[in-house]
Amino acid sequence: MNRARFGVMRSTATSLVIEDLGPWDQHPTVTNDAEGVVHRLHVSGRLSPGVRLFYYDSDGDYSELKHDGAGRFAGFAPAREEEHDAL
């Protein structure tokens, strides 16, 4: 199964920031594999309840992947600039 490739840029007790690595002609983007990305991070222990997951997508845009704390993707949300600066 082909999965998104991503790297962890920053990790704190309250947030995790990842970046989409591609190459996108060989792997789906984080956006297109959001369910799989959230699940893999949860299973690995890097994403737990209360931790916000931010990401730089394949275009370099900064957004948030929402999750339910149990490894299930719950949607996308725009990330506010002040959140980005606080990390």
C-alpha atoms as a PDB file:
ATOM      1  CA  MET A   1       0.000   0.000   0.000  1.00  0.00           C
ATOM      2  CA  ASN A   2       1.345   3.408  -0.957  1.00  0.00           C
ATOM      3  CA  ARG A   3       1.426   5.896   1.932  1.00  0.00           C
ATOM      4  CA  ALA A   4       2.316   9.546   2.359  1.00  0.00           C
ATOM      5  CA  ARG A   5       5.895  10.287   3.333  1.00  0.00           C
ATOM      6  CA  PHE A   6       6.353  12.907   6.017  1.00  0.00           C
ATOM      7  CA  GLY A   7       8.925  14.061   8.513  1.00  0.00           C
ATOM      8  CA  VAL A   8       8.474  15.341  12.037  1.00  0.00           C
ATOM      9  CA  MET A   9       9.703  18.920  12.282  1.00  0.00           C
ATOM     10  CA  ARG A  10       8.757  19.728  15.889  1.00  0.00           C
ATOM     11  CA  SER A  11       7.192  17.914  18.784  1.00  0.00           C
ATOM     12  CA  THR A  12       6.030  19.326  22.117  1.00  0.00           C
ATOM     13  CA  ALA A  13       3.667  18.131  24.815  1.00  0.00           C
ATOM     14  CA  THR A  14       0.787  19.933  23.090  1.00  0.00           C
ATOM     15  CA  SER A  15       1.614  19.938  19.376  1.00  0.00           C
ATOM     16  CA  LEU A  16       3.264  17.999  16.592  1.00  0.00           C
ATOM     17  CA  VAL A  17       4.395  19.593  13.327  1.00  0.00           C
ATOM     18  CA  ILE A  18       5.075  17.453  10.274  1.00  0.00           C
ATOM     19  CA  GLU A  19       6.019  18.214   6.692  1.00  0.00           C
ATOM     20  CA  ASP A  20       4.989  16.465   3.502  1.00  0.00           C
ATOM     21  CA  LEU A  21       8.092  14.950   1.857  1.00  0.00           C
ATOM     22  CA  GLY A  22       6.818  13.336  -1.345  1.00  0.00           C
ATOM     23  CA  PRO A  23       7.917  12.741  -4.033  1.00  0.00           C
ATOM     24  CA  TRP A  24       4.295  13.155  -5.010  1.00  0.00           C
ATOM     25  CA  ASP A  25       4.569  11.250  -8.246  1.00  0.00           C
ATOM     26  CA  GLN A  26       5.375   8.191  -6.095  1.00  0.00           C
ATOM     27  CA  HIS A  27       3.495   8.811  -2.835  1.00  0.00           C
ATOM     28  CA  PRO A  28       0.168  10.420  -1.950  1.00  0.00           C
ATOM     29  CA  THR A  29       0.328  13.767  -0.195  1.00  0.00           C
ATOM     30  CA  VAL A  30      -0.358  14.092   3.534  1.00  0.00           C
ATOM     31  CA  THR A  31      -3.633  15.782   2.562  1.00  0.00           C
ATOM     32  CA  ASN A  32      -4.693  12.796   0.451  1.00  0.00           C
ATOM     33  CA  ASP A  33      -3.556  10.254   3.069  1.00  0.00           C
ATOM     34  CA  ALA A  34      -4.724  12.184   6.149  1.00  0.00           C
ATOM     35  CA  GLU A  35      -6.499   9.173   7.682  1.00  0.00           C
ATOM     36  CA  GLY A  36      -3.394   7.023   7.294  1.00  0.00           C
ATOM     37  CA  VAL A  37      -1.052   9.726   8.610  1.00  0.00           C
ATOM     38  CA  VAL A  38      -3.133  10.283  11.759  1.00  0.00           C
ATOM     39  CA  HIS A  39      -3.414   6.530  12.333  1.00  0.00           C
ATOM     40  CA  ARG A  40       0.316   5.914  11.886  1.00  0.00           C
ATOM     41  CA  LEU A  41       1.269   8.759  14.222  1.00  0.00           C
ATOM     42  CA  HIS A  42      -1.183   7.499  16.837  1.00  0.00           C
ATOM     43  CA  VAL A  43       0.050   3.892  16.639  1.00  0.00           C
ATOM     44  CA  SER A  44       3.663   5.086  16.899  1.00  0.00           C
ATOM     45  CA  GLY A  45       2.820   6.927  20.136  1.00  0.00           C
ATOM     46  CA  ARG A  46       3.657  10.358  18.724  1.00  0.00           C
ATOM     47  CA  LEU A  47       0.038  11.537  18.611  1.00  0.00           C
ATOM     48  CA  SER A  48      -2.102  11.274  21.706  1.00  0.00           C
ATOM     49  CA  PRO A  49      -5.320  12.906  22.935  1.00  0.00           C
ATOM     50  CA  GLY A  50      -4.930  16.657  23.323  1.00  0.00           C
ATOM     51  CA  VAL A  51      -1.943  16.965  20.980  1.00  0.00           C
ATOM     52  CA  ARG A  52      -2.623  19.193  17.978  1.00  0.00           C
ATOM     53  CA  LEU A  53      -1.252  18.018  14.628  1.00  0.00           C
ATOM     54  CA  PHE A  54      -0.051  20.729  12.255  1.00  0.00           C
ATOM     55  CA  TYR A  55       1.485  20.138   8.846  1.00  0.00           C
ATOM     56  CA  TYR A  56       3.114  21.783   5.885  1.00  0.00           C
ATOM     57  CA  ASP A  57       1.422  20.369   2.820  1.00  0.00           C
ATOM     58  CA  SER A  58       2.929  19.666  -0.585  1.00  0.00           C
ATOM     59  CA  ASP A  59       2.502  23.346  -1.536  1.00  0.00           C
ATOM     60  CA  GLY A  60       4.147  24.538   1.699  1.00  0.00           C
ATOM     61  CA  ASP A  61       0.844  25.725   3.174  1.00  0.00           C
ATOM     62  CA  TYR A  62       0.424  25.383   6.940  1.00  0.00           C
ATOM     63  CA  SER A  63      -2.753  23.664   8.213  1.00  0.00           C
ATOM     64  CA  GLU A  64      -4.037  21.413  10.955  1.00  0.00           C
ATOM     65  CA  LEU A  65      -5.148  17.786  10.812  1.00  0.00           C
ATOM     66  CA  LYS A  66      -7.861  17.288  13.430  1.00  0.00           C
ATOM     67  CA  HIS A  67      -8.106  13.928  15.186  1.00  0.00           C
ATOM     68  CA  ASP A  68     -10.268  12.307  17.833  1.00  0.00           C
ATOM     69  CA  GLY A  69      -7.395  11.261  20.116  1.00  0.00           C
ATOM     70  CA  ALA A  70      -7.910   7.582  19.314  1.00  0.00           C
ATOM     71  CA  GLY A  71      -6.125   7.536  15.963  1.00  0.00           C
ATOM     72  CA  ARG A  72      -9.000   8.626  13.739  1.00  0.00           C
ATOM     73  CA  PHE A  73      -8.818  11.602  11.392  1.00  0.00           C
ATOM     74  CA  ALA A  74     -11.556  14.164  12.096  1.00  0.00           C
ATOM     75  CA  GLY A  75     -11.036  16.791   9.406  1.00  0.00           C
ATOM     76  CA  PHE A  76      -8.912  19.721   8.337  1.00  0.00           C
ATOM     77  CA  ALA A  77      -8.672  23.143   9.926  1.00  0.00           C
ATOM     78  CA  PRO A  78      -6.814  26.258   8.903  1.00  0.00           C
ATOM     79  CA  ALA A  79      -3.950  27.071  11.223  1.00  0.00           C
ATOM     80  CA  ARG A  80      -3.813  30.630  12.474  1.00  0.00           C
ATOM     81  CA  GLU A  81      -0.569  32.555  12.042  1.00  0.00           C
ATOM     82  CA  GLU A  82      -0.213  33.169  15.790  1.00  0.00           C
ATOM     83  CA  GLU A  83      -0.337  29.398  16.381  1.00  0.00           C
ATOM     84  CA  HIS A  84       2.446  28.923  13.867  1.00  0.00           C
ATOM     85  CA  ASP A  85       4.567  31.644  15.473  1.00  0.00           C
ATOM     86  CA  ALA A  86       4.017  30.198  18.964  1.00  0.00           C
ATOM     87  CA  LEU A  87       5.551  26.878  17.928  1.00  0.00           C
END
